[in-house]
Protein backbone atom coordinates (compact mmCIF):
# COMPACT_ATOMS: atom_id res chain seq x y z
CA MET A 1 0.03 0.15 0.07
CA LEU A 2 1.39 3.36 -0.97
CA PRO A 3 1.86 6.26 1.45
CA ALA A 4 -1.40 8.85 1.13
CA ARG A 5 1.97 11.72 -0.25
CA LYS A 6 2.89 9.55 -2.69
CA CYS A 7 -0.30 8.20 -4.05
CA ARG A 8 -1.56 12.25 -4.61
CA TRP A 9 1.54 12.70 -6.63
CA LEU A 10 1.41 10.05 -8.89
CA CYS A 11 -2.18 10.52 -9.40
CA VAL A 12 -1.39 14.26 -10.55
CA ALA A 13 1.50 12.46 -12.32
CA LEU A 14 -0.78 10.04 -14.55
CA CYS A 15 -3.31 13.48 -14.65
CA LEU A 16 -0.97 15.21 -16.62
CA GLY A 17 0.66 12.90 -18.63
CA LEU A 18 -2.89 11.29 -19.94
CA THR A 19 -3.84 14.51 -20.35
CA ALA A 20 -0.67 15.98 -22.27
CA GLY A 21 -1.36 13.28 -24.95
CA CYS A 22 -4.69 13.67 -25.65
CA VAL A 23 -4.49 17.22 -26.15
CA SER A 24 -4.11 18.32 -29.93
CA LYS A 25 -1.62 20.45 -30.65
CA PRO A 26 -2.63 23.07 -34.15
CA VAL A 27 -0.54 22.55 -36.85
CA TYR A 28 -0.67 25.57 -39.35
CA ARG A 29 0.78 24.45 -43.42
CA SER A 30 2.84 26.53 -44.63
CA GLY A 31 3.56 24.71 -48.49
CA GLY A 32 5.12 21.66 -47.22
CA ALA A 33 6.49 22.65 -44.11
CA GLN A 34 4.50 22.58 -40.82
CA VAL A 35 4.61 25.50 -38.57
CA SER A 36 3.90 25.50 -34.22
CA PRO A 37 1.08 26.67 -32.40
CA ARG A 38 2.09 30.46 -32.29
CA PRO A 39 1.81 32.50 -28.76
CA SER A 40 -1.23 34.42 -28.50
CA ASN A 41 0.50 37.67 -28.24
CA LYS A 42 2.01 37.10 -31.81
CA PRO A 43 0.18 37.37 -35.01
CA PRO A 44 -0.91 34.08 -37.23
CA PRO A 45 1.62 33.14 -39.42
CA GLN A 46 1.10 33.42 -43.33
CA VAL A 47 -0.65 30.33 -44.48
CA VAL A 48 0.11 29.90 -48.48
CA ALA A 49 -2.15 26.39 -50.01
CA PRO A 50 0.43 24.25 -52.09
CA GLY A 51 -0.57 24.07 -56.20
CA PRO A 52 -2.35 26.35 -58.34
CA ALA A 53 -3.32 28.38 -55.16
CA ALA A 54 0.03 30.04 -55.15
CA HIS A 55 0.22 31.50 -58.66
CA PRO A 56 -2.45 34.26 -59.82
CA ILE A 57 -5.84 32.34 -61.37
CA ASP A 58 -8.09 33.69 -64.08
CA LEU A 59 -11.26 33.24 -62.14
CA ASP A 60 -12.76 33.62 -65.37
CA LYS A 61 -11.49 30.47 -66.23
CA ILE A 62 -12.47 28.17 -63.35
CA ASN A 63 -14.34 25.36 -64.98
CA THR A 64 -17.53 24.38 -62.81
CA ASP A 65 -18.92 21.77 -65.45
CA LYS A 66 -17.54 18.68 -63.34
CA ALA A 67 -18.59 19.88 -60.30
CA TYR A 68 -20.05 17.92 -57.61
CA GLN A 69 -21.82 20.90 -56.34
CA VAL A 70 -21.78 25.13 -56.77
CA GLY A 71 -22.87 27.39 -53.59
CA VAL A 72 -22.18 29.00 -50.13
CA SER A 73 -19.77 27.56 -47.95
CA SER A 74 -19.56 28.48 -44.14
CA TYR A 75 -16.49 26.95 -41.34
CA TYR A 76 -16.68 25.79 -37.44
CA GLY A 77 -14.26 25.70 -35.02
CA LYS A 78 -13.65 26.18 -31.64
CA LYS A 79 -17.16 25.93 -30.14
CA PHE A 80 -17.44 21.93 -31.98
CA HIS A 81 -13.74 21.28 -31.21
CA GLY A 82 -13.31 18.10 -29.24
CA ARG A 83 -16.87 17.31 -29.58
CA LEU A 84 -17.68 13.50 -31.60
CA THR A 85 -18.73 14.07 -35.64
CA ALA A 86 -21.15 11.91 -36.80
CA ASN A 87 -18.87 9.23 -38.40
CA GLY A 88 -17.16 9.07 -34.48
CA GLU A 89 -14.29 10.70 -35.28
CA VAL A 90 -13.14 13.14 -32.41
CA PHE A 91 -13.99 16.83 -34.34
CA ASN A 92 -10.35 18.72 -34.79
CA MET A 93 -10.54 22.42 -36.00
CA TYR A 94 -6.93 22.04 -37.08
CA LYS A 95 -7.30 19.06 -39.64
CA LEU A 96 -8.55 19.23 -43.58
CA THR A 97 -12.14 18.32 -42.68
CA ALA A 98 -15.69 19.22 -43.84
CA ALA A 99 -19.47 18.94 -43.26
CA HIS A 100 -21.97 18.03 -45.75
CA ARG A 101 -25.22 16.79 -45.72
CA VAL A 102 -25.65 13.74 -47.77
CA LEU A 103 -22.12 13.07 -48.95
CA PRO A 104 -21.07 9.74 -47.68
CA LEU A 105 -19.06 9.98 -44.70
CA GLY A 106 -15.19 9.41 -45.81
CA THR A 107 -15.56 11.27 -49.13
CA HIS A 108 -12.66 13.05 -50.07
CA VAL A 109 -12.96 16.17 -52.06
CA LYS A 110 -12.00 19.19 -53.54
CA VAL A 111 -12.81 22.33 -52.35
CA THR A 112 -11.89 25.69 -54.44
CA ASN A 113 -12.85 29.08 -53.30
CA LEU A 114 -14.61 31.14 -56.01
CA GLN A 115 -14.04 34.17 -54.66
CA ASN A 116 -10.00 33.75 -55.30
CA GLY A 117 -9.25 30.26 -56.33
CA ARG A 118 -7.54 29.19 -53.45
CA TRP A 119 -8.85 25.26 -52.97
CA VAL A 120 -7.94 22.22 -50.39
CA GLU A 121 -8.89 19.29 -50.27
CA VAL A 122 -10.97 17.55 -47.13
CA LYS A 123 -12.27 14.75 -45.71
CA VAL A 124 -16.34 14.63 -45.10
CA ASN A 125 -16.58 12.98 -41.90
CA ASP A 126 -19.83 15.38 -40.00
CA ARG A 127 -23.40 16.04 -41.11
CA GLY A 128 -24.35 19.75 -42.26
CA PRO A 129 -24.69 22.57 -42.00
CA PHE A 130 -27.75 23.14 -41.04
CA ILE A 131 -28.32 26.45 -42.34
CA GLU A 132 -30.81 27.36 -45.41
CA GLY A 133 -28.64 28.59 -47.87
CA ARG A 134 -24.85 26.78 -47.10
CA ILE A 135 -24.04 23.48 -49.05
CA LEU A 136 -20.92 22.75 -46.89
CA ASP A 137 -19.59 23.35 -43.78
CA LEU A 138 -15.44 23.68 -43.53
CA SER A 139 -12.76 23.32 -39.96
CA PHE A 140 -11.22 26.40 -39.24
CA ALA A 141 -8.17 24.83 -40.70
CA ALA A 142 -9.76 24.46 -44.52
CA ALA A 143 -11.31 28.07 -44.05
CA LEU A 144 -7.61 29.14 -43.38
CA GLU A 145 -6.39 27.11 -46.28
CA LEU A 146 -9.28 29.42 -48.55
CA GLU A 147 -8.95 32.32 -47.27
CA MET A 148 -12.16 32.67 -46.39
CA VAL A 149 -12.23 32.89 -42.14
CA LYS A 150 -12.39 36.87 -42.29
CA GLN A 151 -15.91 37.36 -44.43
CA GLY A 152 -17.04 33.66 -42.46
CA THR A 153 -18.50 32.54 -46.04
CA ALA A 154 -17.47 31.99 -49.58
CA LYS A 155 -18.92 30.69 -52.35
CA VAL A 156 -17.43 27.70 -53.26
CA MET A 157 -17.12 24.44 -55.87
CA ILE A 158 -17.30 20.82 -54.55
CA GLU A 159 -15.61 17.96 -56.77
CA ILE A 160 -15.13 14.94 -55.61
CA THR A 161 -11.77 13.32 -55.62
CA LYS A 162 -11.69 9.87 -53.56
CA PRO A 163 -15.31 8.28 -53.38
CA VAL A 164 -15.70 6.20 -50.10
CA GLU A 165 -15.83 2.41 -51.58
């Protein structure tokens, strides 16, 4: 039997160790490099999406013929961070995920911001959005990639890149 004092320290050490391993750290993508979370007193890092978004794009030449859906997207983050998604995963606002009403869970889609040409590939792991007139809810990380955080919504095009088998 352990003395009460040692038992208390053991419990504290176990609690700290368990929670430290469970708390996810945000990862900001900048091209291929990863940037650690920023301290709250410093400005956010500049995020540059890989691929064609890094180059000037003629928005008139974006072809929506093969799009699965075109409409308004929003994003969600802090309020739902850590809650379970529709497919049973824990929602992480720093991962590239999305919520869609009818696409099969696990489907990978390319989402293009039709206002600036930036795009990101996300995995559908949740249901929503539940606001009329919106077709997709992106995670905070995906919204950062599309540069739509400041305005909150953006007109987007959804293309299926990897359907669920």
